[in-house]
Amino acid sequence: MKKYSEKKCIHNKRKYECKDCNKKLICIHNKNKKYCKECGGSRICIHNKIKQSCKICCPNNFCKHNKRKYRCLICKKIKNSELCSNEEWNKIIGINNDFDFFYN
């Protein structure tokens, strides 16, 4: 795996994350403008969460086990082994209906 070099500033921080070098990226609350809830940053949804982490705004980022797709260990195990039917799998993990957890 090729590791790319991260350019550091004079404050020994990543250039693009340095609050001293990139003052235009920082809001009055001393946070990154994109992620500041108080300022209504572009990466914050109407539910006051980071957009990618919001189950309502981005339901495709979550699996049927109510976890982020890339972090779900159950889904990873299924991909790496023989797949069973949804009904069989629901019995194993204890879900009666595939979408019950989303609406409770």
PDB file of N, CA and C in Angstrom:
ATOM      1  N   MET A   1       0.837  -1.172   0.000  1.00  0.00           N
ATOM      2  CA  MET A   1       0.000   0.000   0.000  1.00  0.00           C
ATOM      3  C   MET A   1       0.886   1.240   0.000  1.00  0.00           C
ATOM      4  N   LYS A   2       0.626   2.128  -0.918  1.00  0.00           N
ATOM      5  CA  LYS A   2       1.425   3.331  -1.058  1.00  0.00           C
ATOM      6  C   LYS A   2       0.896   4.413  -0.115  1.00  0.00           C
ATOM      7  N   LYS A   3       1.769   4.934   0.704  1.00  0.00           N
ATOM      8  CA  LYS A   3       1.374   5.975   1.645  1.00  0.00           C
ATOM      9  C   LYS A   3       1.781   7.324   1.081  1.00  0.00           C
ATOM     10  N   TYR A   4       0.801   8.206   0.957  1.00  0.00           N
ATOM     11  CA  TYR A   4       1.107   9.524   0.416  1.00  0.00           C
ATOM     12  C   TYR A   4       1.612  10.429   1.539  1.00  0.00           C
ATOM     13  N   SER A   5       2.449  11.357   1.180  1.00  0.00           N
ATOM     14  CA  SER A   5       3.024  12.256   2.184  1.00  0.00           C
ATOM     15  C   SER A   5       2.049  13.390   2.463  1.00  0.00           C
ATOM     16  N   GLU A   6       1.860  13.670   3.729  1.00  0.00           N
ATOM     17  CA  GLU A   6       0.997  14.766   4.128  1.00  0.00           C
ATOM     18  C   GLU A   6       1.866  15.975   4.401  1.00  0.00           C
ATOM     19  N   LYS A   7       1.550  17.052   3.731  1.00  0.00           N
ATOM     20  CA  LYS A   7       2.350  18.260   3.899  1.00  0.00           C
ATOM     21  C   LYS A   7       2.022  18.898   5.241  1.00  0.00           C
ATOM     22  N   LYS A   8       3.068  19.246   5.963  1.00  0.00           N
ATOM     23  CA  LYS A   8       2.912  19.867   7.275  1.00  0.00           C
ATOM     24  C   LYS A   8       3.236  21.354   7.171  1.00  0.00           C
ATOM     25  N   CYS A   9       2.603  22.115   8.017  1.00  0.00           N
ATOM     26  CA  CYS A   9       2.848  23.558   8.040  1.00  0.00           C
ATOM     27  C   CYS A   9       3.936  23.874   9.066  1.00  0.00           C
ATOM     28  N   ILE A  10       4.161  25.151   9.286  1.00  0.00           N
ATOM     29  CA  ILE A  10       5.198  25.556  10.240  1.00  0.00           C
ATOM     30  C   ILE A  10       4.802  25.231  11.684  1.00  0.00           C
ATOM     31  N   HIS A  11       3.522  24.905  11.913  1.00  0.00           N
ATOM     32  CA  HIS A  11       3.045  24.558  13.250  1.00  0.00           C
ATOM     33  C   HIS A  11       3.071  23.042  13.476  1.00  0.00           C
ATOM     34  N   ASN A  12       3.659  22.311  12.522  1.00  0.00           N
ATOM     35  CA  ASN A  12       3.789  20.856  12.543  1.00  0.00           C
ATOM     36  C   ASN A  12       2.434  20.145  12.561  1.00  0.00           C
ATOM     37  N   LYS A  13       1.470  20.711  11.834  1.00  0.00           N
ATOM     38  CA  LYS A  13       0.159  20.105  11.659  1.00  0.00           C
ATOM     39  C   LYS A  13      -0.077  19.934  10.171  1.00  0.00           C
ATOM     40  N   ARG A  14      -1.073  19.121   9.810  1.00  0.00           N
ATOM     41  CA  ARG A  14      -1.427  19.004   8.402  1.00  0.00           C
ATOM     42  C   ARG A  14      -1.863  20.373   7.912  1.00  0.00           C
ATOM     43  N   LYS A  15      -1.374  20.755   6.761  1.00  0.00           N
ATOM     44  CA  LYS A  15      -1.628  22.106   6.240  1.00  0.00           C
ATOM     45  C   LYS A  15      -3.120  22.412   6.151  1.00  0.00           C
ATOM     46  N   TYR A  16      -3.898  21.473   5.647  1.00  0.00           N
ATOM     47  CA  TYR A  16      -5.312  21.739   5.433  1.00  0.00           C
ATOM     48  C   TYR A  16      -6.133  21.692   6.718  1.00  0.00           C
ATOM     49  N   GLU A  17      -5.536  21.260   7.852  1.00  0.00           N
ATOM     50  CA  GLU A  17      -6.257  21.212   9.128  1.00  0.00           C
ATOM     51  C   GLU A  17      -5.760  22.241  10.141  1.00  0.00           C
ATOM     52  N   CYS A  18      -4.754  22.985   9.796  1.00  0.00           N
ATOM     53  CA  CYS A  18      -4.153  23.930  10.737  1.00  0.00           C
ATOM     54  C   CYS A  18      -5.040  25.166  10.902  1.00  0.00           C
ATOM     55  N   LYS A  19      -5.456  25.423  12.144  1.00  0.00           N
ATOM     56  CA  LYS A  19      -6.319  26.570  12.428  1.00  0.00           C
ATOM     57  C   LYS A  19      -5.566  27.889  12.312  1.00  0.00           C
ATOM     58  N   ASP A  20      -4.265  27.855  12.521  1.00  0.00           N
ATOM     59  CA  ASP A  20      -3.469  29.073  12.431  1.00  0.00           C
ATOM     60  C   ASP A  20      -3.179  29.478  10.987  1.00  0.00           C
ATOM     61  N   CYS A  21      -2.959  28.487  10.120  1.00  0.00           N
ATOM     62  CA  CYS A  21      -2.643  28.785   8.719  1.00  0.00           C
ATOM     63  C   CYS A  21      -3.905  29.043   7.891  1.00  0.00           C
ATOM     64  N   ASN A  22      -4.979  28.318   8.169  1.00  0.00           N
ATOM     65  CA  ASN A  22      -6.209  28.403   7.373  1.00  0.00           C
ATOM     66  C   ASN A  22      -7.332  29.037   8.178  1.00  0.00           C
ATOM     67  N   LYS A  23      -7.177  30.275   8.509  1.00  0.00           N
ATOM     68  CA  LYS A  23      -8.181  30.958   9.330  1.00  0.00           C
ATOM     69  C   LYS A  23      -9.519  31.087   8.606  1.00  0.00           C
ATOM     70  N   LYS A  24      -9.507  31.060   7.296  1.00  0.00           N
ATOM     71  CA  LYS A  24     -10.768  31.175   6.553  1.00  0.00           C
ATOM     72  C   LYS A  24     -11.625  29.905   6.681  1.00  0.00           C
ATOM     73  N   LEU A  25     -11.033  28.787   7.083  1.00  0.00           N
ATOM     74  CA  LEU A  25     -11.787  27.544   7.261  1.00  0.00           C
ATOM     75  C   LEU A  25     -12.417  27.423   8.649  1.00  0.00           C
ATOM     76  N   ILE A  26     -12.067  28.317   9.555  1.00  0.00           N
ATOM     77  CA  ILE A  26     -12.503  28.233  10.942  1.00  0.00           C
ATOM     78  C   ILE A  26     -13.574  29.298  11.214  1.00  0.00           C
ATOM     79  N   CYS A  27     -14.625  28.886  11.917  1.00  0.00           N
ATOM     80  CA  CYS A  27     -15.705  29.827  12.229  1.00  0.00           C
ATOM     81  C   CYS A  27     -15.435  30.525  13.567  1.00  0.00           C
ATOM     82  N   ILE A  28     -16.388  31.345  14.000  1.00  0.00           N
ATOM     83  CA  ILE A  28     -16.221  32.084  15.256  1.00  0.00           C
ATOM     84  C   ILE A  28     -16.267  31.169  16.480  1.00  0.00           C
ATOM     85  N   HIS A  29     -16.745  29.919  16.296  1.00  0.00           N
ATOM     86  CA  HIS A  29     -16.809  28.950  17.391  1.00  0.00           C
ATOM     87  C   HIS A  29     -15.545  28.089  17.470  1.00  0.00           C
ATOM     88  N   ASN A  30     -14.539  28.462  16.666  1.00  0.00           N
ATOM     89  CA  ASN A  30     -13.250  27.771  16.625  1.00  0.00           C
ATOM     90  C   ASN A  30     -13.379  26.331  16.126  1.00  0.00           C
ATOM     91  N   LYS A  31     -14.297  26.106  15.185  1.00  0.00           N
ATOM     92  CA  LYS A  31     -14.506  24.791  14.578  1.00  0.00           C
ATOM     93  C   LYS A  31     -14.394  24.943  13.068  1.00  0.00           C
ATOM     94  N   ASN A  32     -14.249  23.819  12.398  1.00  0.00           N
ATOM     95  CA  ASN A  32     -14.265  23.820  10.940  1.00  0.00           C
ATOM     96  C   ASN A  32     -15.648  24.281  10.485  1.00  0.00           C
ATOM     97  N   LYS A  33     -15.717  25.272   9.610  1.00  0.00           N
ATOM     98  CA  LYS A  33     -16.989  25.857   9.180  1.00  0.00           C
ATOM     99  C   LYS A  33     -17.960  24.815   8.634  1.00  0.00           C
ATOM    100  N   LYS A  34     -17.449  23.846   7.884  1.00  0.00           N
ATOM    101  CA  LYS A  34     -18.310  22.832   7.285  1.00  0.00           C
ATOM    102  C   LYS A  34     -19.037  21.987   8.328  1.00  0.00           C
ATOM    103  N   TYR A  35     -18.402  21.774   9.488  1.00  0.00           N
ATOM    104  CA  TYR A  35     -18.946  20.877  10.498  1.00  0.00           C
ATOM    105  C   TYR A  35     -19.497  21.602  11.728  1.00  0.00           C
ATOM    106  N   CYS A  36     -19.632  22.906  11.686  1.00  0.00           N
ATOM    107  CA  CYS A  36     -20.111  23.675  12.840  1.00  0.00           C
ATOM    108  C   CYS A  36     -21.640  23.675  12.869  1.00  0.00           C
ATOM    109  N   LYS A  37     -22.213  23.099  13.924  1.00  0.00           N
ATOM    110  CA  LYS A  37     -23.676  23.054  14.051  1.00  0.00           C
ATOM    111  C   LYS A  37     -24.256  24.432  14.312  1.00  0.00           C
ATOM    112  N   GLU A  38     -23.548  25.238  15.100  1.00  0.00           N
ATOM    113  CA  GLU A  38     -24.058  26.565  15.443  1.00  0.00           C
ATOM    114  C   GLU A  38     -24.147  27.477  14.213  1.00  0.00           C
ATOM    115  N   CYS A  39     -23.185  27.345  13.308  1.00  0.00           N
ATOM    116  CA  CYS A  39     -23.164  28.178  12.102  1.00  0.00           C
ATOM    117  C   CYS A  39     -24.011  27.597  10.981  1.00  0.00           C
ATOM    118  N   GLY A  40     -24.445  26.351  11.111  1.00  0.00           N
ATOM    119  CA  GLY A  40     -25.205  25.701  10.048  1.00  0.00           C
ATOM    120  C   GLY A  40     -24.313  25.318   8.888  1.00  0.00           C
ATOM    121  N   GLY A  41     -23.210  24.631   9.196  1.00  0.00           N
ATOM    122  CA  GLY A  41     -22.240  24.236   8.182  1.00  0.00           C
ATOM    123  C   GLY A  41     -22.832  23.368   7.094  1.00  0.00           C
ATOM    124  N   SER A  42     -22.185  23.335   5.958  1.00  0.00           N
ATOM    125  CA  SER A  42     -22.704  22.617   4.792  1.00  0.00           C
ATOM    126  C   SER A  42     -22.741  21.104   4.988  1.00  0.00           C
ATOM    127  N   ARG A  43     -21.982  20.576   5.916  1.00  0.00           N
ATOM    128  CA  ARG A  43     -21.966  19.128   6.166  1.00  0.00           C
ATOM    129  C   ARG A  43     -22.923  18.717   7.292  1.00  0.00           C
ATOM    130  N   ILE A  44     -23.721  19.649   7.792  1.00  0.00           N
ATOM    131  CA  ILE A  44     -24.682  19.366   8.850  1.00  0.00           C
ATOM    132  C   ILE A  44     -26.083  19.336   8.230  1.00  0.00           C
ATOM    133  N   CYS A  45     -26.866  18.298   8.552  1.00  0.00           N
ATOM    134  CA  CYS A  45     -28.206  18.161   7.981  1.00  0.00           C
ATOM    135  C   CYS A  45     -29.237  18.902   8.834  1.00  0.00           C
ATOM    136  N   ILE A  46     -30.492  18.834   8.422  1.00  0.00           N
ATOM    137  CA  ILE A  46     -31.558  19.520   9.147  1.00  0.00           C
ATOM    138  C   ILE A  46     -31.843  18.872  10.501  1.00  0.00           C
ATOM    139  N   HIS A  47     -31.324  17.655  10.715  1.00  0.00           N
ATOM    140  CA  HIS A  47     -31.507  16.954  11.984  1.00  0.00           C
ATOM    141  C   HIS A  47     -30.357  17.224  12.953  1.00  0.00           C
ATOM    142  N   ASN A  48     -29.495  18.180  12.574  1.00  0.00           N
ATOM    143  CA  ASN A  48     -28.362  18.625  13.385  1.00  0.00           C
ATOM    144  C   ASN A  48     -27.310  17.528  13.580  1.00  0.00           C
ATOM    145  N   LYS A  49     -27.120  16.707  12.551  1.00  0.00           N
ATOM    146  CA  LYS A  49     -26.106  15.657  12.558  1.00  0.00           C
ATOM    147  C   LYS A  49     -25.243  15.816  11.317  1.00  0.00           C
ATOM    148  N   ILE A  50     -24.082  15.190  11.339  1.00  0.00           N
ATOM    149  CA  ILE A  50     -23.260  15.165  10.126  1.00  0.00           C
ATOM    150  C   ILE A  50     -24.036  14.369   9.081  1.00  0.00           C
ATOM    151  N   LYS A  51     -24.182  14.916   7.891  1.00  0.00           N
ATOM    152  CA  LYS A  51     -25.057  14.333   6.869  1.00  0.00           C
ATOM    153  C   LYS A  51     -24.820  12.850   6.644  1.00  0.00           C
ATOM    154  N   GLN A  52     -23.570  12.444   6.513  1.00  0.00           N
ATOM    155  CA  GLN A  52     -23.275  11.041   6.228  1.00  0.00           C
ATOM    156  C   GLN A  52     -23.652  10.119   7.373  1.00  0.00           C
ATOM    157  N   SER A  53     -23.798  10.664   8.586  1.00  0.00           N
ATOM    158  CA  SER A  53     -24.128   9.854   9.750  1.00  0.00           C
ATOM    159  C   SER A  53     -25.610   9.901  10.097  1.00  0.00           C
ATOM    160  N   CYS A  54     -26.403  10.576   9.295  1.00  0.00           N
ATOM    161  CA  CYS A  54     -27.833  10.711   9.575  1.00  0.00           C
ATOM    162  C   CYS A  54     -28.606   9.599   8.873  1.00  0.00           C
ATOM    163  N   LYS A  55     -29.309   8.791   9.661  1.00  0.00           N
ATOM    164  CA  LYS A  55     -30.070   7.670   9.103  1.00  0.00           C
ATOM    165  C   LYS A  55     -31.274   8.136   8.293  1.00  0.00           C
ATOM    166  N   ILE A  56     -31.771   9.311   8.594  1.00  0.00           N
ATOM    167  CA  ILE A  56     -32.945   9.820   7.887  1.00  0.00           C
ATOM    168  C   ILE A  56     -32.540  10.429   6.540  1.00  0.00           C
ATOM    169  N   CYS A  57     -31.479  11.229   6.525  1.00  0.00           N
ATOM    170  CA  CYS A  57     -31.029  11.881   5.282  1.00  0.00           C
ATOM    171  C   CYS A  57     -30.305  10.920   4.343  1.00  0.00           C
ATOM    172  N   CYS A  58     -29.540  10.003   4.892  1.00  0.00           N
ATOM    173  CA  CYS A  58     -28.733   9.080   4.077  1.00  0.00           C
ATOM    174  C   CYS A  58     -28.974   7.633   4.508  1.00  0.00           C
ATOM    175  N   PRO A  59     -30.168   7.095   4.296  1.00  0.00           N
ATOM    176  CA  PRO A  59     -30.442   5.723   4.736  1.00  0.00           C
ATOM    177  C   PRO A  59     -29.610   4.675   3.998  1.00  0.00           C
ATOM    178  N   ASN A  60     -29.107   5.005   2.818  1.00  0.00           N
ATOM    179  CA  ASN A  60     -28.295   4.045   2.058  1.00  0.00           C
ATOM    180  C   ASN A  60     -26.925   3.811   2.671  1.00  0.00           C
ATOM    181  N   ASN A  61     -26.519   4.648   3.623  1.00  0.00           N
ATOM    182  CA  ASN A  61     -25.233   4.455   4.290  1.00  0.00           C
ATOM    183  C   ASN A  61     -25.312   3.416   5.412  1.00  0.00           C
ATOM    184  N   PHE A  62     -26.522   2.911   5.679  1.00  0.00           N
ATOM    185  CA  PHE A  62     -26.724   1.981   6.784  1.00  0.00           C
ATOM    186  C   PHE A  62     -27.250   0.651   6.272  1.00  0.00           C
ATOM    187  N   CYS A  63     -26.824  -0.421   6.928  1.00  0.00           N
ATOM    188  CA  CYS A  63     -27.262  -1.766   6.527  1.00  0.00           C
ATOM    189  C   CYS A  63     -28.517  -2.150   7.299  1.00  0.00           C
ATOM    190  N   LYS A  64     -29.019  -3.348   7.056  1.00  0.00           N
ATOM    191  CA  LYS A  64     -30.241  -3.791   7.723  1.00  0.00           C
ATOM    192  C   LYS A  64     -30.025  -4.085   9.204  1.00  0.00           C
ATOM    193  N   HIS A  65     -28.781  -4.054   9.657  1.00  0.00           N
ATOM    194  CA  HIS A  65     -28.480  -4.272  11.077  1.00  0.00           C
ATOM    195  C   HIS A  65     -28.376  -2.951  11.833  1.00  0.00           C
ATOM    196  N   ASN A  66     -28.751  -1.855  11.155  1.00  0.00           N
ATOM    197  CA  ASN A  66     -28.781  -0.516  11.742  1.00  0.00           C
ATOM    198  C   ASN A  66     -27.382   0.004  12.089  1.00  0.00           C
ATOM    199  N   LYS A  67     -26.397  -0.385  11.290  1.00  0.00           N
ATOM    200  CA  LYS A  67     -25.024   0.075  11.477  1.00  0.00           C
ATOM    201  C   LYS A  67     -24.527   0.667  10.166  1.00  0.00           C
ATOM    202  N   ARG A  68     -23.462   1.470  10.244  1.00  0.00           N
ATOM    203  CA  ARG A  68     -22.851   1.975   9.014  1.00  0.00           C
ATOM    204  C   ARG A  68     -22.379   0.775   8.205  1.00  0.00           C
ATOM    205  N   LYS A  69     -22.624   0.765   6.918  1.00  0.00           N
ATOM    206  CA  LYS A  69     -22.321  -0.395   6.077  1.00  0.00           C
ATOM    207  C   LYS A  69     -20.864  -0.822   6.178  1.00  0.00           C
ATOM    208  N   TYR A  70     -19.963   0.130   6.153  1.00  0.00           N
ATOM    209  CA  TYR A  70     -18.545  -0.218   6.148  1.00  0.00           C
ATOM    210  C   TYR A  70     -18.061  -0.704   7.517  1.00  0.00           C
ATOM    211  N   ARG A  71     -18.850  -0.527   8.580  1.00  0.00           N
ATOM    212  CA  ARG A  71     -18.421  -0.933   9.917  1.00  0.00           C
ATOM    213  C   ARG A  71     -19.141  -2.175  10.436  1.00  0.00           C
ATOM    214  N   CYS A  72     -20.134  -2.670   9.722  1.00  0.00           N
ATOM    215  CA  CYS A  72     -20.942  -3.786  10.204  1.00  0.00           C
ATOM    216  C   CYS A  72     -20.179  -5.106  10.071  1.00  0.00           C
ATOM    217  N   LEU A  73     -19.871  -5.707  11.188  1.00  0.00           N
ATOM    218  CA  LEU A  73     -19.127  -6.971  11.178  1.00  0.00           C
ATOM    219  C   LEU A  73     -19.977  -8.119  10.652  1.00  0.00           C
ATOM    220  N   ILE A  74     -21.275  -8.069  10.894  1.00  0.00           N
ATOM    221  CA  ILE A  74     -22.160  -9.129  10.414  1.00  0.00           C
ATOM    222  C   ILE A  74     -22.183  -9.141   8.896  1.00  0.00           C
ATOM    223  N   CYS A  75     -22.336  -7.969   8.290  1.00  0.00           N
ATOM    224  CA  CYS A  75     -22.353  -7.892   6.823  1.00  0.00           C
ATOM    225  C   CYS A  75     -21.018  -8.329   6.225  1.00  0.00           C
ATOM    226  N   LYS A  76     -19.935  -7.964   6.880  1.00  0.00           N
ATOM    227  CA  LYS A  76     -18.617  -8.373   6.386  1.00  0.00           C
ATOM    228  C   LYS A  76     -18.462  -9.886   6.430  1.00  0.00           C
ATOM    229  N   LYS A  77     -18.962 -10.515   7.501  1.00  0.00           N
ATOM    230  CA  LYS A  77     -18.875 -11.977   7.602  1.00  0.00           C
ATOM    231  C   LYS A  77     -19.720 -12.650   6.539  1.00  0.00           C
ATOM    232  N   ILE A  78     -20.893 -12.077   6.262  1.00  0.00           N
ATOM    233  CA  ILE A  78     -21.763 -12.653   5.238  1.00  0.00           C
ATOM    234  C   ILE A  78     -21.094 -12.576   3.874  1.00  0.00           C
ATOM    235  N   LYS A  79     -20.481 -11.441   3.563  1.00  0.00           N
ATOM    236  CA  LYS A  79     -19.819 -11.284   2.267  1.00  0.00           C
ATOM    237  C   LYS A  79     -18.688 -12.296   2.103  1.00  0.00           C
ATOM    238  N   ASN A  80     -18.009 -12.602   3.203  1.00  0.00           N
ATOM    239  CA  ASN A  80     -16.848 -13.487   3.122  1.00  0.00           C
ATOM    240  C   ASN A  80     -17.215 -14.965   3.208  1.00  0.00           C
ATOM    241  N   SER A  81     -18.424 -15.274   3.599  1.00  0.00           N
ATOM    242  CA  SER A  81     -18.824 -16.681   3.708  1.00  0.00           C
ATOM    243  C   SER A  81     -19.990 -16.951   2.774  1.00  0.00           C
ATOM    244  N   GLU A  82     -20.571 -18.126   2.924  1.00  0.00           N
ATOM    245  CA  GLU A  82     -21.722 -18.477   2.103  1.00  0.00           C
ATOM    246  C   GLU A  82     -22.923 -17.660   2.545  1.00  0.00           C
ATOM    247  N   LEU A  83     -23.627 -17.091   1.597  1.00  0.00           N
ATOM    248  CA  LEU A  83     -24.788 -16.272   1.940  1.00  0.00           C
ATOM    249  C   LEU A  83     -25.996 -17.160   2.235  1.00  0.00           C
ATOM    250  N   CYS A  84     -26.729 -16.803   3.289  1.00  0.00           N
ATOM    251  CA  CYS A  84     -27.975 -17.508   3.564  1.00  0.00           C
ATOM    252  C   CYS A  84     -29.129 -16.570   3.212  1.00  0.00           C
ATOM    253  N   SER A  85     -30.331 -17.106   3.166  1.00  0.00           N
ATOM    254  CA  SER A  85     -31.476 -16.279   2.804  1.00  0.00           C
ATOM    255  C   SER A  85     -31.761 -15.263   3.900  1.00  0.00           C
ATOM    256  N   ASN A  86     -32.500 -14.216   3.561  1.00  0.00           N
ATOM    257  CA  ASN A  86     -32.841 -13.184   4.537  1.00  0.00           C
ATOM    258  C   ASN A  86     -33.596 -13.767   5.718  1.00  0.00           C
ATOM    259  N   GLU A  87     -34.528 -14.680   5.456  1.00  0.00           N
ATOM    260  CA  GLU A  87     -35.324 -15.271   6.531  1.00  0.00           C
ATOM    261  C   GLU A  87     -34.439 -16.058   7.493  1.00  0.00           C
ATOM    262  N   GLU A  88     -33.521 -16.856   6.953  1.00  0.00           N
ATOM    263  CA  GLU A  88     -32.607 -17.624   7.808  1.00  0.00           C
ATOM    264  C   GLU A  88     -31.740 -16.695   8.635  1.00  0.00           C
ATOM    265  N   TRP A  89     -31.222 -15.660   7.988  1.00  0.00           N
ATOM    266  CA  TRP A  89     -30.340 -14.739   8.695  1.00  0.00           C
ATOM    267  C   TRP A  89     -31.092 -13.970   9.775  1.00  0.00           C
ATOM    268  N   ASN A  90     -32.326 -13.560   9.496  1.00  0.00           N
ATOM    269  CA  ASN A  90     -33.128 -12.844  10.485  1.00  0.00           C
ATOM    270  C   ASN A  90     -33.391 -13.705  11.716  1.00  0.00           C
ATOM    271  N   LYS A  91     -33.574 -15.008  11.509  1.00  0.00           N
ATOM    272  CA  LYS A  91     -33.741 -15.908  12.656  1.00  0.00           C
ATOM    273  C   LYS A  91     -32.470 -15.962  13.490  1.00  0.00           C
ATOM    274  N   ILE A  92     -31.320 -15.960  12.819  1.00  0.00           N
ATOM    275  CA  ILE A  92     -30.036 -16.030  13.521  1.00  0.00           C
ATOM    276  C   ILE A  92     -29.818 -14.791  14.371  1.00  0.00           C
ATOM    277  N   ILE A  93     -30.098 -13.604  13.818  1.00  0.00           N
ATOM    278  CA  ILE A  93     -29.824 -12.372  14.558  1.00  0.00           C
ATOM    279  C   ILE A  93     -31.028 -11.857  15.332  1.00  0.00           C
ATOM    280  N   GLY A  94     -32.196 -12.498  15.174  1.00  0.00           N
ATOM    281  CA  GLY A  94     -33.362 -12.156  15.982  1.00  0.00           C
ATOM    282  C   GLY A  94     -34.201 -11.008  15.484  1.00  0.00           C
ATOM    283  N   ILE A  95     -34.246 -10.779  14.181  1.00  0.00           N
ATOM    284  CA  ILE A  95     -35.112  -9.749  13.615  1.00  0.00           C
ATOM    285  C   ILE A  95     -36.269 -10.437  12.915  1.00  0.00           C
ATOM    286  N   ASN A  96     -37.496 -10.019  13.235  1.00  0.00           N
ATOM    287  CA  ASN A  96     -38.672 -10.621  12.617  1.00  0.00           C
ATOM    288  C   ASN A  96     -38.955 -10.043  11.243  1.00  0.00           C
ATOM    289  N   ASN A  97     -38.823  -8.723  11.116  1.00  0.00           N
ATOM    290  CA  ASN A  97     -39.086  -8.048   9.860  1.00  0.00           C
ATOM    291  C   ASN A  97     -37.849  -7.247   9.491  1.00  0.00           C
ATOM    292  N   ASP A  98     -37.435  -7.284   8.253  1.00  0.00           N
ATOM    293  CA  ASP A  98     -36.199  -6.614   7.829  1.00  0.00           C
ATOM    294  C   ASP A  98     -36.149  -5.141   8.190  1.00  0.00           C
ATOM    295  N   PHE A  99     -37.296  -4.451   8.211  1.00  0.00           N
ATOM    296  CA  PHE A  99     -37.274  -3.007   8.387  1.00  0.00           C
ATOM    297  C   PHE A  99     -37.892  -2.545   9.704  1.00  0.00           C
ATOM    298  N   ASP A 100     -38.160  -3.450  10.626  1.00  0.00           N
ATOM    299  CA  ASP A 100     -38.746  -3.074  11.908  1.00  0.00           C
ATOM    300  C   ASP A 100     -37.912  -2.073  12.671  1.00  0.00           C
ATOM    301  N   PHE A 101     -36.589  -2.246  12.668  1.00  0.00           N
ATOM    302  CA  PHE A 101     -35.728  -1.402  13.466  1.00  0.00           C
ATOM    303  C   PHE A 101     -35.712   0.044  12.984  1.00  0.00           C
ATOM    304  N   PHE A 102     -35.996   0.286  11.684  1.00  0.00           N
ATOM    305  CA  PHE A 102     -35.942   1.644  11.151  1.00  0.00           C
ATOM    306  C   PHE A 102     -37.111   2.490  11.657  1.00  0.00           C
ATOM    307  N   TYR A 103     -38.242   1.874  11.889  1.00  0.00           N
ATOM    308  CA  TYR A 103     -39.433   2.656  12.187  1.00  0.00           C
ATOM    309  C   TYR A 103     -39.820   2.638  13.657  1.00  0.00           C
ATOM    310  N   ASN A 104     -39.039   2.005  14.501  1.00  0.00           N
ATOM    311  CA  ASN A 104     -39.336   1.988  15.943  1.00  0.00           C
ATOM    312  C   ASN A 104     -38.658   3.122  16.646  1.00  0.00           C
TER     313      ASN A 104
END
